[in-house]
Structure formats: C-alpha cells, structure tokens
PDB file of N, CA and C in Angstrom:
ATOM      1  N   MET A   1    -119.852   3.882-199.824  1.00  0.00           N
ATOM      2  CA  MET A   1    -118.536   3.158-199.003  1.00  0.00           C
ATOM      3  C   MET A   1    -117.595   2.092-199.932  1.00  0.00           C
ATOM      4  N   LEU A   2    -117.787   1.164-200.684  1.00  0.00           N
ATOM      5  CA  LEU A   2    -116.781   0.318-201.252  1.00  0.00           C
ATOM      6  C   LEU A   2    -116.420   1.271-202.434  1.00  0.00           C
ATOM      7  N   ARG A   3    -116.955   1.848-203.061  1.00  0.00           N
ATOM      8  CA  ARG A   3    -117.187   2.742-204.482  1.00  0.00           C
ATOM      9  C   ARG A   3    -115.723   4.042-203.796  1.00  0.00           C
ATOM     10  N   TYR A   4    -116.020   4.753-203.139  1.00  0.00           N
ATOM     11  CA  TYR A   4    -115.070   5.874-202.648  1.00  0.00           C
ATOM     12  C   TYR A   4    -114.217   5.348-202.125  1.00  0.00           C
ATOM     13  N   THR A   5    -113.584   3.837-201.749  1.00  0.00           N
ATOM     14  CA  THR A   5    -112.659   3.793-201.169  1.00  0.00           C
ATOM     15  C   THR A   5    -111.328   3.351-202.463  1.00  0.00           C
ATOM     16  N   LEU A   6    -112.841   2.677-203.141  1.00  0.00           N
ATOM     17  CA  LEU A   6    -111.629   2.461-204.686  1.00  0.00           C
ATOM     18  C   LEU A   6    -111.821   3.336-205.452  1.00  0.00           C
ATOM     19  N   MET A   7    -112.268   4.443-205.615  1.00  0.00           N
ATOM     20  CA  MET A   7    -112.012   6.169-206.123  1.00  0.00           C
ATOM     21  C   MET A   7    -110.654   6.538-205.489  1.00  0.00           C
ATOM     22  N   ARG A   8    -110.656   6.266-204.594  1.00  0.00           N
ATOM     23  CA  ARG A   8    -109.727   6.734-203.846  1.00  0.00           C
ATOM     24  C   ARG A   8    -108.614   6.629-203.629  1.00  0.00           C
ATOM     25  N   LEU A   9    -108.310   5.039-203.671  1.00  0.00           N
ATOM     26  CA  LEU A   9    -106.926   3.915-204.550  1.00  0.00           C
ATOM     27  C   LEU A   9    -107.077   4.586-206.194  1.00  0.00           C
ATOM     28  N   GLY A  10    -107.973   4.657-206.763  1.00  0.00           N
ATOM     29  CA  GLY A  10    -107.765   4.479-208.068  1.00  0.00           C
ATOM     30  C   GLY A  10    -106.602   6.031-208.555  1.00  0.00           C
ATOM     31  N   ILE A  11    -107.361   6.778-207.722  1.00  0.00           N
ATOM     32  CA  ILE A  11    -106.682   8.620-207.734  1.00  0.00           C
ATOM     33  C   ILE A  11    -105.284   8.368-206.673  1.00  0.00           C
ATOM     34  N   PHE A  12    -104.914   7.579-206.104  1.00  0.00           N
ATOM     35  CA  PHE A  12    -103.647   7.120-205.276  1.00  0.00           C
ATOM     36  C   PHE A  12    -102.461   6.620-206.551  1.00  0.00           C
ATOM     37  N   ALA A  13    -103.751   5.604-206.896  1.00  0.00           N
ATOM     38  CA  ALA A  13    -102.326   5.349-207.971  1.00  0.00           C
ATOM     39  C   ALA A  13    -101.995   5.813-208.971  1.00  0.00           C
ATOM     40  N   GLY A  14    -102.888   6.468-209.755  1.00  0.00           N
ATOM     41  CA  GLY A  14    -102.915   7.641-210.965  1.00  0.00           C
ATOM     42  C   GLY A  14    -101.670   8.499-210.555  1.00  0.00           C
ATOM     43  N   CYS A  15    -101.855   8.677-208.949  1.00  0.00           N
ATOM     44  CA  CYS A  15    -100.628   9.851-209.355  1.00  0.00           C
ATOM     45  C   CYS A  15     -98.856   9.516-208.445  1.00  0.00           C
ATOM     46  N   LEU A  16     -98.650   7.711-208.131  1.00  0.00           N
ATOM     47  CA  LEU A  16     -98.674   7.242-207.558  1.00  0.00           C
ATOM     48  C   LEU A  16     -97.173   7.320-208.679  1.00  0.00           C
ATOM     49  N   VAL A  17     -98.616   6.788-210.484  1.00  0.00           N
ATOM     50  CA  VAL A  17     -97.659   6.747-211.509  1.00  0.00           C
ATOM     51  C   VAL A  17     -96.716   7.997-211.616  1.00  0.00           C
ATOM     52  N   VAL A  18     -97.470   9.278-211.800  1.00  0.00           N
ATOM     53  CA  VAL A  18     -97.462  10.448-212.223  1.00  0.00           C
ATOM     54  C   VAL A  18     -95.805  10.246-211.442  1.00  0.00           C
ATOM     55  N   VAL A  19     -96.115  10.339-210.260  1.00  0.00           N
ATOM     56  CA  VAL A  19     -94.721  10.633-209.380  1.00  0.00           C
ATOM     57  C   VAL A  19     -93.249   9.986-209.879  1.00  0.00           C
ATOM     58  N   TRP A  20     -93.783   8.397-209.973  1.00  0.00           N
ATOM     59  CA  TRP A  20     -92.826   7.612-210.137  1.00  0.00           C
ATOM     60  C   TRP A  20     -92.215   8.233-211.245  1.00  0.00           C
ATOM     61  N   GLY A  21     -92.949   8.228-212.518  1.00  0.00           N
ATOM     62  CA  GLY A  21     -91.826   8.966-213.749  1.00  0.00           C
ATOM     63  C   GLY A  21     -91.397  10.044-214.019  1.00  0.00           C
ATOM     64  N   ALA A  22     -91.863  11.050-212.933  1.00  0.00           N
ATOM     65  CA  ALA A  22     -91.423  12.303-212.616  1.00  0.00           C
ATOM     66  C   ALA A  22     -90.228  12.132-211.687  1.00  0.00           C
ATOM     67  N   VAL A  23     -90.283  11.052-210.731  1.00  0.00           N
ATOM     68  CA  VAL A  23     -88.938  10.903-210.069  1.00  0.00           C
ATOM     69  C   VAL A  23     -87.294  10.223-210.679  1.00  0.00           C
ATOM     70  N   TYR A  24     -87.944   9.530-211.367  1.00  0.00           N
ATOM     71  CA  TYR A  24     -87.395   8.833-212.689  1.00  0.00           C
ATOM     72  C   TYR A  24     -86.587   9.483-214.124  1.00  0.00           C
ATOM     73  N   SER A  25     -87.879  10.760-214.262  1.00  0.00           N
ATOM     74  CA  SER A  25     -87.105  11.395-215.117  1.00  0.00           C
ATOM     75  C   SER A  25     -86.793  12.339-214.895  1.00  0.00           C
ATOM     76  N   GLY A  26     -86.662  12.701-213.349  1.00  0.00           N
ATOM     77  CA  GLY A  26     -85.177  13.726-213.330  1.00  0.00           C
ATOM     78  C   GLY A  26     -86.295  15.277-213.031  1.00  0.00           C
ATOM     79  N   ILE A  27     -87.475  14.927-212.800  1.00  0.00           N
ATOM     80  CA  ILE A  27     -88.322  16.583-212.642  1.00  0.00           C
ATOM     81  C   ILE A  27     -88.746  17.187-211.435  1.00  0.00           C
ATOM     82  N   PHE A  28     -88.813  15.901-210.250  1.00  0.00           N
ATOM     83  CA  PHE A  28     -88.483  15.650-208.751  1.00  0.00           C
ATOM     84  C   PHE A  28     -87.713  14.767-207.873  1.00  0.00           C
ATOM     85  N   PRO A  29     -86.592  15.463-206.551  1.00  0.00           N
ATOM     86  CA  PRO A  29     -85.493  14.940-207.033  1.00  0.00           C
ATOM     87  C   PRO A  29     -85.899  13.620-206.288  1.00  0.00           C
ATOM     88  N   ARG A  30     -85.054  12.773-206.129  1.00  0.00           N
ATOM     89  CA  ARG A  30     -85.077  10.984-205.896  1.00  0.00           C
ATOM     90  C   ARG A  30     -84.987  11.105-204.116  1.00  0.00           C
ATOM     91  N   GLY A  31     -85.242  11.602-204.147  1.00  0.00           N
ATOM     92  CA  GLY A  31     -85.165  11.375-202.056  1.00  0.00           C
ATOM     93  C   GLY A  31     -83.468  11.030-201.421  1.00  0.00           C
ATOM     94  N   PHE A  32     -83.678  10.819-200.616  1.00  0.00           N
ATOM     95  CA  PHE A  32     -81.626  10.556-200.251  1.00  0.00           C
ATOM     96  C   PHE A  32     -81.320   9.393-200.208  1.00  0.00           C
ATOM     97  N   GLY A  33     -80.263   8.979-200.315  1.00  0.00           N
ATOM     98  CA  GLY A  33     -79.722   7.679-200.239  1.00  0.00           C
ATOM     99  C   GLY A  33     -80.563   6.363-200.735  1.00  0.00           C
ATOM    100  N   ASP A  34     -81.523   5.974-199.617  1.00  0.00           N
ATOM    101  CA  ASP A  34     -82.122   4.789-200.002  1.00  0.00           C
ATOM    102  C   ASP A  34     -83.392   4.392-200.128  1.00  0.00           C
ATOM    103  N   SER A  35     -83.783   6.148-199.618  1.00  0.00           N
ATOM    104  CA  SER A  35     -85.081   6.054-199.570  1.00  0.00           C
ATOM    105  C   SER A  35     -86.118   6.397-200.509  1.00  0.00           C
ATOM    106  N   ASN A  36     -85.618   5.973-201.855  1.00  0.00           N
ATOM    107  CA  ASN A  36     -85.971   6.629-203.153  1.00  0.00           C
ATOM    108  C   ASN A  36     -87.739   6.381-202.799  1.00  0.00           C
ATOM    109  N   GLY A  37     -87.995   4.231-202.482  1.00  0.00           N
ATOM    110  CA  GLY A  37     -89.606   3.875-203.389  1.00  0.00           C
ATOM    111  C   GLY A  37     -90.429   4.844-201.636  1.00  0.00           C
ATOM    112  N   LEU A  38     -89.470   5.382-200.859  1.00  0.00           N
ATOM    113  CA  LEU A  38     -90.708   5.826-199.197  1.00  0.00           C
ATOM    114  C   LEU A  38     -90.713   7.147-200.645  1.00  0.00           C
ATOM    115  N   TRP A  39     -89.884   7.962-200.887  1.00  0.00           N
ATOM    116  CA  TRP A  39     -89.861   9.238-201.510  1.00  0.00           C
ATOM    117  C   TRP A  39     -91.006   8.964-202.135  1.00  0.00           C
ATOM    118  N   VAL A  40     -91.502   8.239-202.978  1.00  0.00           N
ATOM    119  CA  VAL A  40     -92.368   8.399-204.386  1.00  0.00           C
ATOM    120  C   VAL A  40     -93.705   7.854-203.043  1.00  0.00           C
ATOM    121  N   LEU A  41     -94.268   6.775-202.522  1.00  0.00           N
ATOM    122  CA  LEU A  41     -95.521   7.006-202.145  1.00  0.00           C
ATOM    123  C   LEU A  41     -95.860   7.984-200.742  1.00  0.00           C
ATOM    124  N   LEU A  42     -95.184   8.587-200.087  1.00  0.00           N
ATOM    125  CA  LEU A  42     -94.966   9.564-199.391  1.00  0.00           C
ATOM    126  C   LEU A  42     -95.344  10.957-200.021  1.00  0.00           C
ATOM    127  N   LEU A  43     -94.520  11.374-201.241  1.00  0.00           N
ATOM    128  CA  LEU A  43     -95.166  12.397-202.202  1.00  0.00           C
ATOM    129  C   LEU A  43     -96.501  12.135-202.891  1.00  0.00           C
ATOM    130  N   ALA A  44     -96.483  10.927-203.645  1.00  0.00           N
ATOM    131  CA  ALA A  44     -97.565  10.272-204.187  1.00  0.00           C
ATOM    132  C   ALA A  44     -98.876  10.610-202.932  1.00  0.00           C
ATOM    133  N   LEU A  45     -98.989  10.220-202.043  1.00  0.00           N
ATOM    134  CA  LEU A  45     -99.674  10.597-200.832  1.00  0.00           C
ATOM    135  C   LEU A  45    -100.165  11.734-200.560  1.00  0.00           C
ATOM    136  N   VAL A  46     -99.429  12.362-200.433  1.00  0.00           N
ATOM    137  CA  VAL A  46     -99.362  14.080-200.447  1.00  0.00           C
ATOM    138  C   VAL A  46     -99.750  14.923-201.436  1.00  0.00           C
ATOM    139  N   LEU A  47     -99.658  14.125-203.300  1.00  0.00           N
ATOM    140  CA  LEU A  47    -100.527  14.800-203.815  1.00  0.00           C
ATOM    141  C   LEU A  47    -102.254  14.074-204.115  1.00  0.00           C
ATOM    142  N   SER A  48    -102.243  13.398-203.703  1.00  0.00           N
ATOM    143  CA  SER A  48    -103.683  12.771-204.169  1.00  0.00           C
ATOM    144  C   SER A  48    -104.460  12.640-203.174  1.00  0.00           C
ATOM    145  N   ALA A  49    -103.585  13.426-201.658  1.00  0.00           N
ATOM    146  CA  ALA A  49    -105.062  13.714-200.824  1.00  0.00           C
ATOM    147  C   ALA A  49    -105.670  14.964-201.186  1.00  0.00           C
ATOM    148  N   PRO A  50    -104.736  16.446-201.981  1.00  0.00           N
ATOM    149  CA  PRO A  50    -106.096  17.281-201.879  1.00  0.00           C
ATOM    150  C   PRO A  50    -106.723  17.032-203.123  1.00  0.00           C
ATOM    151  N   ILE A  51    -106.742  16.458-203.453  1.00  0.00           N
ATOM    152  CA  ILE A  51    -107.031  15.634-205.061  1.00  0.00           C
ATOM    153  C   ILE A  51    -108.815  14.938-204.897  1.00  0.00           C
ATOM    154  N   SER A  52    -108.191  13.944-204.113  1.00  0.00           N
ATOM    155  CA  SER A  52    -109.596  13.515-203.802  1.00  0.00           C
ATOM    156  C   SER A  52    -111.000  14.136-202.700  1.00  0.00           C
ATOM    157  N   TRP A  53    -109.546  14.568-201.680  1.00  0.00           N
ATOM    158  CA  TRP A  53    -111.147  15.832-201.612  1.00  0.00           C
ATOM    159  C   TRP A  53    -111.945  16.771-202.689  1.00  0.00           C
ATOM    160  N   VAL A  54    -111.061  17.492-203.454  1.00  0.00           N
ATOM    161  CA  VAL A  54    -111.815  17.848-204.248  1.00  0.00           C
ATOM    162  C   VAL A  54    -112.881  17.204-205.230  1.00  0.00           C
ATOM    163  N   VAL A  55    -112.777  16.263-205.556  1.00  0.00           N
ATOM    164  CA  VAL A  55    -112.665  15.275-207.248  1.00  0.00           C
ATOM    165  C   VAL A  55    -113.975  14.228-206.993  1.00  0.00           C
ATOM    166  N   LEU A  56    -113.484  14.433-205.526  1.00  0.00           N
ATOM    167  CA  LEU A  56    -114.814  13.151-204.149  1.00  0.00           C
ATOM    168  C   LEU A  56    -114.904  13.394-203.578  1.00  0.00           C
ATOM    169  N   ARG A  57    -115.808  14.590-203.633  1.00  0.00           N
ATOM    170  CA  ARG A  57    -117.110  15.896-202.314  1.00  0.00           C
ATOM    171  C   ARG A  57    -118.267  14.678-202.611  1.00  0.00           C
ATOM    172  N   LYS A  58    -119.100  14.732-203.594  1.00  0.00           N
ATOM    173  CA  LYS A  58    -119.800  14.423-203.869  1.00  0.00           C
ATOM    174  C   LYS A  58    -119.980  12.966-203.345  1.00  0.00           C
ATOM    175  N   GLU A  59    -119.433  11.964-203.915  1.00  0.00           N
ATOM    176  CA  GLU A  59    -119.159  10.595-203.254  1.00  0.00           C
ATOM    177  C   GLU A  59    -118.632  10.333-201.898  1.00  0.00           C
ATOM    178  N   ARG A  60    -118.354  11.420-201.606  1.00  0.00           N
ATOM    179  CA  ARG A  60    -117.523  11.092-200.261  1.00  0.00           C
ATOM    180  C   ARG A  60    -119.470  11.417-199.215  1.00  0.00           C
ATOM    181  N   ASP A  61    -119.722  12.968-199.995  1.00  0.00           N
ATOM    182  CA  ASP A  61    -121.553  12.345-198.875  1.00  0.00           C
ATOM    183  C   ASP A  61    -121.981  12.173-199.046  1.00  0.00           C
ATOM    184  N   ARG A  62    -122.119  11.249-200.310  1.00  0.00           N
ATOM    185  CA  ARG A  62    -123.067   9.965-200.308  1.00  0.00           C
ATOM    186  C   ARG A  62    -123.573   8.878-198.898  1.00  0.00           C
ATOM    187  N   ALA A  63    -121.319   9.036-199.721  1.00  0.00           N
ATOM    188  CA  ALA A  63    -121.205   7.804-198.725  1.00  0.00           C
ATOM    189  C   ALA A  63    -121.146   7.387-197.000  1.00  0.00           C
ATOM    190  N   SER A  64    -120.995   9.101-196.550  1.00  0.00           N
ATOM    191  CA  SER A  64    -121.442   9.800-195.042  1.00  0.00           C
ATOM    192  C   SER A  64    -122.442   9.506-194.853  1.00  0.00           C
ATOM    193  N   VAL A  65    -123.476  10.029-195.951  1.00  0.00           N
ATOM    194  CA  VAL A  65    -125.342   9.968-195.354  1.00  0.00           C
ATOM    195  C   VAL A  65    -125.202   7.815-195.100  1.00  0.00           C
ATOM    196  N   GLN A  66    -124.922   7.278-195.935  1.00  0.00           N
ATOM    197  CA  GLN A  66    -124.933   5.296-196.090  1.00  0.00           C
ATOM    198  C   GLN A  66    -124.378   5.280-194.674  1.00  0.00           C
ATOM    199  N   ILE A  67    -123.380   5.674-193.813  1.00  0.00           N
ATOM    200  CA  ILE A  67    -123.253   5.607-192.614  1.00  0.00           C
ATOM    201  C   ILE A  67    -123.724   5.551-191.911  1.00  0.00           C
ATOM    202  N   VAL A  68    -124.858   6.884-191.925  1.00  0.00           N
ATOM    203  CA  VAL A  68    -126.102   7.652-190.760  1.00  0.00           C
ATOM    204  C   VAL A  68    -126.595   6.946-190.658  1.00  0.00           C
ATOM    205  N   GLY A  69    -127.133   6.802-191.932  1.00  0.00           N
ATOM    206  CA  GLY A  69    -127.861   5.782-192.149  1.00  0.00           C
ATOM    207  C   GLY A  69    -128.170   4.658-191.046  1.00  0.00           C
ATOM    208  N   LYS A  70    -126.875   3.532-191.568  1.00  0.00           N
ATOM    209  CA  LYS A  70    -126.595   2.627-190.317  1.00  0.00           C
ATOM    210  C   LYS A  70    -126.529   2.586-189.068  1.00  0.00           C
ATOM    211  N   VAL A  71    -125.674   3.771-188.612  1.00  0.00           N
ATOM    212  CA  VAL A  71    -125.929   4.387-187.143  1.00  0.00           C
ATOM    213  C   VAL A  71    -126.996   3.924-186.962  1.00  0.00           C
ATOM    214  N   ASP A  72    -127.970   5.138-186.922  1.00  0.00           N
ATOM    215  CA  ASP A  72    -128.870   5.384-186.721  1.00  0.00           C
ATOM    216  C   ASP A  72    -130.322   4.158-186.860  1.00  0.00           C
ATOM    217  N   ARG A  73    -130.075   3.001-187.293  1.00  0.00           N
ATOM    218  CA  ARG A  73    -130.417   1.508-187.473  1.00  0.00           C
ATOM    219  C   ARG A  73    -130.265   0.860-186.436  1.00  0.00           C
ATOM    220  N   MET A  74    -128.538   1.080-186.596  1.00  0.00           N
ATOM    221  CA  MET A  74    -128.144  -0.004-185.472  1.00  0.00           C
ATOM    222  C   MET A  74    -128.788   0.789-183.980  1.00  0.00           C
ATOM    223  N   LYS A  75    -128.603   2.078-183.441  1.00  0.00           N
ATOM    224  CA  LYS A  75    -129.152   2.770-182.388  1.00  0.00           C
ATOM    225  C   LYS A  75    -130.555   2.581-182.301  1.00  0.00           C
ATOM    226  N   ALA A  76    -131.160   2.540-183.434  1.00  0.00           N
ATOM    227  CA  ALA A  76    -133.537   1.774-183.077  1.00  0.00           C
ATOM    228  C   ALA A  76    -133.502   0.498-182.032  1.00  0.00           C
ATOM    229  N   ASN A  77    -132.576  -0.554-183.649  1.00  0.00           N
ATOM    230  CA  ASN A  77    -132.390  -1.677-183.486  1.00  0.00           C
ATOM    231  C   ASN A  77    -131.598  -1.713-181.756  1.00  0.00           C
ATOM    232  N   LEU A  78    -131.296  -0.859-181.214  1.00  0.00           N
ATOM    233  CA  LEU A  78    -130.272  -1.698-179.697  1.00  0.00           C
ATOM    234  C   LEU A  78    -131.373  -0.278-179.128  1.00  0.00           C
ATOM    235  N   ASP A  79    -132.084   0.573-178.973  1.00  0.00           N
ATOM    236  CA  ASP A  79    -133.456   0.672-178.119  1.00  0.00           C
ATOM    237  C   ASP A  79    -134.624  -0.192-178.153  1.00  0.00           C
ATOM    238  N   ALA A  80    -135.035  -1.051-179.255  1.00  0.00           N
ATOM    239  CA  ALA A  80    -135.338  -1.747-179.343  1.00  0.00           C
ATOM    240  C   ALA A  80    -135.382  -3.307-178.189  1.00  0.00           C
ATOM    241  N   SER A  81    -134.003  -3.128-178.720  1.00  0.00           N
ATOM    242  CA  SER A  81    -133.646  -4.240-177.540  1.00  0.00           C
ATOM    243  C   SER A  81    -134.058  -4.211-176.292  1.00  0.00           C
ATOM    244  N   ARG A  82    -133.181  -2.351-176.034  1.00  0.00           N
ATOM    245  CA  ARG A  82    -133.172  -2.626-174.654  1.00  0.00           C
ATOM    246  C   ARG A  82    -134.446  -2.470-174.201  1.00  0.00           C
ATOM    247  N   SER A  83    -135.750  -1.760-174.546  1.00  0.00           N
ATOM    248  CA  SER A  83    -137.280  -1.983-174.132  1.00  0.00           C
ATOM    249  C   SER A  83    -137.910  -3.333-174.372  1.00  0.00           C
ATOM    250  N   ARG A  84    -137.764  -3.783-174.770  1.00  0.00           N
ATOM    251  CA  ARG A  84    -137.703  -5.249-175.006  1.00  0.00           C
ATOM    252  C   ARG A  84    -137.783  -6.537-173.380  1.00  0.00           C
ATOM    253  N   GLU A  85    -136.197  -5.414-173.442  1.00  0.00           N
ATOM    254  CA  GLU A  85    -135.096  -6.348-171.778  1.00  0.00           C
ATOM    255  C   GLU A  85    -135.712  -5.702-170.734  1.00  0.00           C
ATOM    256  N   ASP A  86    -136.253  -4.381-171.110  1.00  0.00           N
ATOM    257  CA  ASP A  86    -136.938  -3.883-169.695  1.00  0.00           C
ATOM    258  C   ASP A  86    -138.859  -4.176-169.859  1.00  0.00           C
ATOM    259  N   GLY A  87    -139.266  -4.690-170.730  1.00  0.00           N
ATOM    260  CA  GLY A  87    -140.577  -5.111-170.777  1.00  0.00           C
ATOM    261  C   GLY A  87    -140.679  -6.737-170.213  1.00  0.00           C
ATOM    262  N   ALA A  88    -139.527  -7.523-170.582  1.00  0.00           N
ATOM    263  CA  ALA A  88    -139.304  -8.565-169.847  1.00  0.00           C
ATOM    264  C   ALA A  88    -138.925  -8.475-168.761  1.00  0.00           C
ATOM    265  N   ASP A  89    -137.884  -7.905-167.928  1.00  0.00           N
ATOM    266  CA  ASP A  89    -138.071  -7.725-166.378  1.00  0.00           C
ATOM    267  C   ASP A  89    -139.239  -7.361-165.495  1.00  0.00           C
ATOM    268  N   ASP A  90    -139.892  -6.366-166.255  1.00  0.00           N
ATOM    269  CA  ASP A  90    -140.886  -6.107-165.697  1.00  0.00           C
ATOM    270  C   ASP A  90    -141.973  -6.669-165.313  1.00  0.00           C
ATOM    271  N   ALA A  91    -141.786  -7.318-166.363  1.00  0.00           N
ATOM    272  CA  ALA A  91    -142.717  -8.574-166.605  1.00  0.00           C
ATOM    273  C   ALA A  91    -142.342  -9.227-165.344  1.00  0.00           C
ATOM    274  N   SER A  92    -142.251  -9.833-165.377  1.00  0.00           N
ATOM    275  CA  SER A  92    -140.979 -11.041-164.118  1.00  0.00           C
ATOM    276  C   SER A  92    -142.026 -10.439-162.720  1.00  0.00           C
ATOM    277  N   ARG A  93    -141.448  -9.404-162.561  1.00  0.00           N
ATOM    278  CA  ARG A  93    -140.716  -8.367-161.243  1.00  0.00           C
ATOM    279  C   ARG A  93    -142.608  -8.702-160.801  1.00  0.00           C
ATOM    280  N   ALA A  94    -143.237  -8.032-161.695  1.00  0.00           N
ATOM    281  CA  ALA A  94    -145.015  -8.410-161.836  1.00  0.00           C
ATOM    282  C   ALA A  94    -145.404  -8.910-162.024  1.00  0.00           C
ATOM    283  N   GLN A  95    -144.688 -10.683-161.461  1.00  0.00           N
ATOM    284  CA  GLN A  95    -145.536 -11.872-161.252  1.00  0.00           C
ATOM    285  C   GLN A  95    -145.446 -12.382-160.241  1.00  0.00           C
ATOM    286  N   GLY A  96    -144.022 -11.462-159.153  1.00  0.00           N
ATOM    287  CA  GLY A  96    -143.717 -12.091-158.165  1.00  0.00           C
ATOM    288  C   GLY A  96    -142.559 -12.847-157.970  1.00  0.00           C
ATOM    289  N   GLY A  97    -141.398 -12.017-159.057  1.00  0.00           N
ATOM    290  CA  GLY A  97    -140.203 -12.892-159.503  1.00  0.00           C
ATOM    291  C   GLY A  97    -139.706 -12.000-159.351  1.00  0.00           C
ATOM    292  N   ALA A  98    -138.997 -10.776-158.429  1.00  0.00           N
ATOM    293  CA  ALA A  98    -138.663  -9.570-158.232  1.00  0.00           C
ATOM    294  C   ALA A  98    -137.353 -10.599-157.683  1.00  0.00           C
ATOM    295  N   ALA A  99    -136.443  -9.616-158.300  1.00  0.00           N
ATOM    296  CA  ALA A  99    -134.887  -9.996-158.027  1.00  0.00           C
ATOM    297  C   ALA A  99    -134.201  -9.355-156.517  1.00  0.00           C
ATOM    298  N   ALA A 100    -133.381 -10.193-155.726  1.00  0.00           N
ATOM    299  CA  ALA A 100    -133.165  -9.212-154.751  1.00  0.00           C
ATOM    300  C   ALA A 100    -132.382  -7.867-154.995  1.00  0.00           C
ATOM    301  N   PRO A 101    -133.128  -7.009-154.190  1.00  0.00           N
ATOM    302  CA  PRO A 101    -132.536  -5.893-154.100  1.00  0.00           C
ATOM    303  C   PRO A 101    -130.965  -5.908-153.333  1.00  0.00           C
ATOM    304  N   HIS A 102    -130.114  -5.112-154.443  1.00  0.00           N
ATOM    305  CA  HIS A 102    -128.950  -4.095-154.651  1.00  0.00           C
ATOM    306  C   HIS A 102    -128.873  -3.790-153.195  1.00  0.00           C
TER     307      HIS A 102
END
C-alpha cells in the first residue's frame, strides 16, 4: 500500500512540475488574480488522476489484494474471539453461574 501511495505521489509531483512549467511559460493560462498557486495544484491533480488510474493499475490491484487479506484476517480473529467468549459464557452457565434473566 505504501508503494502505491508513493508512486501516486510521484506521478502527482511530476505533473505538478510539468504544469508549473507550462503555466509560467504561457502554454496554460495563469488563473484568475492571485489564484495561480491553487490553479497549478488543481490542474496537476486533474492531470495526475487519470494517468495514475492507467499506469498504476497492477499496483492498485496488488494493494487491493493486501487490504482484502488484512480485512479477512481481522474478521477471522473477531469470529474466533466471539467463539471463545461464547464458550466461556456457556461454560460458566453450565457450572451454575447463570446470569440473572433480562
């Protein structure tokens, strides 16, 4: 996941440099009034998103598999914990330590 994030940030940084150069060379408009910095960031973000979507497809799929694996392990641990808790509760009730009815 960290690798995907760093690669995504790298693509954004590259787009930011290209857009900054294009704006200051006059290829792209400079924005409105004092909004030049925001304009450059927004344009770099808009350009980097589809590039990342296409270029990082395999890396995104690999990160997704890792996340699904972590979620599945967490669910299994939670289910095991619930089973142990239910077993301990059943054992205490069987020994005569039943809780008061609700």
